[in-house]
């Protein structure tokens, strides 16, 4: 049996909703945290094939991650395309001379 307190679950859900709003406003961001990477802090990860889920992880040794599905309102094709374009531009910045196939 798993035991949990509703106040903690509501705090986690409130954080997930805050992260979802952040991800909706910042479509290229893949992670979110309010307090930085600190012991006991929550961290959110953008997740899912449609980039519309939020995985909430509490940075401690005991808490299991929770995946909140369909929490981020997205236009799947638009977001996926933006992430692809940003990744391609970043790769070009890192290596402006493309490699030739042999």
Protein backbone atom coordinates (compact mmCIF):
# COMPACT_ATOMS: atom_id res chain seq x y z
CA UNK A 1 0.00 0.00 0.00
CA UNK A 2 1.24 3.46 -0.84
CA UNK A 3 0.53 6.22 1.65
CA UNK A 4 0.46 9.88 0.69
CA UNK A 5 -0.84 13.16 2.05
CA UNK A 6 -3.25 15.24 -0.01
CA UNK A 7 -1.42 18.47 0.82
CA UNK A 8 1.76 17.08 -0.75
CA UNK A 9 -0.14 15.80 -3.80
CA UNK A 10 -1.85 19.16 -4.27
CA UNK A 11 1.51 20.93 -3.97
CA UNK A 12 2.95 18.63 -6.65
CA UNK A 13 -0.05 19.18 -8.95
CA UNK A 14 0.16 22.97 -8.45
CA UNK A 15 3.84 22.82 -9.44
CA UNK A 16 2.97 20.69 -12.50
CA UNK A 17 0.40 23.26 -13.62
CA UNK A 18 2.93 26.09 -13.11
CA UNK A 19 5.46 24.14 -15.18
CA UNK A 20 2.83 23.52 -17.89
CA UNK A 21 2.17 27.26 -18.15
CA UNK A 22 5.93 27.87 -18.38
CA UNK A 23 6.34 25.22 -21.11
CA UNK A 24 3.38 26.62 -23.07
CA UNK A 25 4.93 30.10 -22.96
CA UNK A 26 8.45 28.80 -23.68
CA UNK A 27 8.07 25.99 -26.23
CA UNK A 28 11.81 25.29 -26.52
CA UNK A 29 12.34 24.76 -22.78
CA UNK A 30 12.55 21.12 -21.73
CA UNK A 31 13.05 21.54 -17.96
CA UNK A 32 11.66 23.83 -15.28
CA UNK A 33 12.33 24.40 -11.59
CA UNK A 34 11.36 27.21 -9.23
CA UNK A 35 14.18 26.85 -6.72
CA UNK A 36 17.06 25.50 -8.76
CA UNK A 37 18.61 22.06 -8.40
CA UNK A 38 18.34 21.65 -4.64
CA UNK A 39 17.64 18.67 -2.39
CA UNK A 40 13.87 18.40 -1.89
CA UNK A 41 12.95 20.78 -4.75
CA UNK A 42 10.58 19.83 -7.55
CA UNK A 43 11.83 19.69 -11.13
CA UNK A 44 9.60 19.36 -14.20
CA UNK A 45 10.52 17.74 -17.50
CA UNK A 46 8.62 18.25 -20.76
CA UNK A 47 7.59 14.75 -21.83
CA UNK A 48 5.55 12.78 -24.33
CA UNK A 49 5.38 12.35 -28.08
CA UNK A 50 3.22 15.46 -28.35
CA UNK A 51 5.41 17.43 -25.92
CA UNK A 52 2.27 17.98 -23.86
CA UNK A 53 3.08 16.06 -20.69
CA UNK A 54 4.91 17.13 -17.55
CA UNK A 55 6.96 14.71 -15.46
CA UNK A 56 7.44 16.01 -11.94
CA UNK A 57 10.44 14.74 -10.01
CA UNK A 58 11.21 15.62 -6.41
CA UNK A 59 14.96 15.74 -6.00
CA UNK A 60 15.32 13.31 -3.12
CA UNK A 61 16.07 9.64 -2.59
CA UNK A 62 12.52 8.38 -2.05
CA UNK A 63 9.90 10.12 -4.19
CA UNK A 64 8.69 8.45 -7.39
CA UNK A 65 8.32 10.61 -10.54
CA UNK A 66 4.77 11.44 -11.69
CA UNK A 67 3.80 11.94 -15.35
CA UNK A 68 0.90 14.39 -15.85
CA UNK A 69 -0.39 13.66 -19.36
CA UNK A 70 -1.95 16.25 -21.72
CA UNK A 71 -1.24 19.06 -19.27
CA UNK A 72 0.51 21.44 -21.69
CA UNK A 73 -1.76 22.94 -24.36
CA UNK A 74 0.24 22.54 -27.57
CA UNK A 75 -0.02 22.41 -31.30
CA UNK A 76 1.99 19.20 -31.66
CA UNK A 77 3.31 19.83 -35.17
CA UNK A 78 4.29 23.41 -34.36
CA UNK A 79 6.16 22.52 -31.17
CA UNK A 80 7.94 19.54 -32.69
CA UNK A 81 9.00 21.66 -35.66
CA UNK A 82 10.29 24.46 -33.41
CA UNK A 83 12.34 22.03 -31.32
CA UNK A 84 13.80 20.49 -34.50
CA UNK A 85 14.71 23.92 -35.92
CA UNK A 86 16.33 25.01 -32.65
CA UNK A 87 18.35 21.79 -32.39
CA UNK A 88 19.49 22.09 -36.01
CA UNK A 89 20.55 25.73 -35.50
CA UNK A 90 22.45 24.81 -32.33
CA UNK A 91 24.29 22.00 -34.12
CA UNK A 92 25.23 24.43 -36.88
CA UNK A 93 26.60 26.86 -34.26
CA UNK A 94 28.70 24.10 -32.72
CA UNK A 95 30.02 22.79 -36.04
CA UNK A 96 29.54 25.27 -38.91
CA UNK A 97 31.35 23.01 -41.39
CA UNK A 98 29.08 20.04 -42.17
CA UNK A 99 30.81 16.69 -42.54
CA UNK A 100 30.91 15.09 -45.97
CA UNK A 101 29.60 11.58 -46.41
CA UNK A 102 32.15 9.05 -47.64
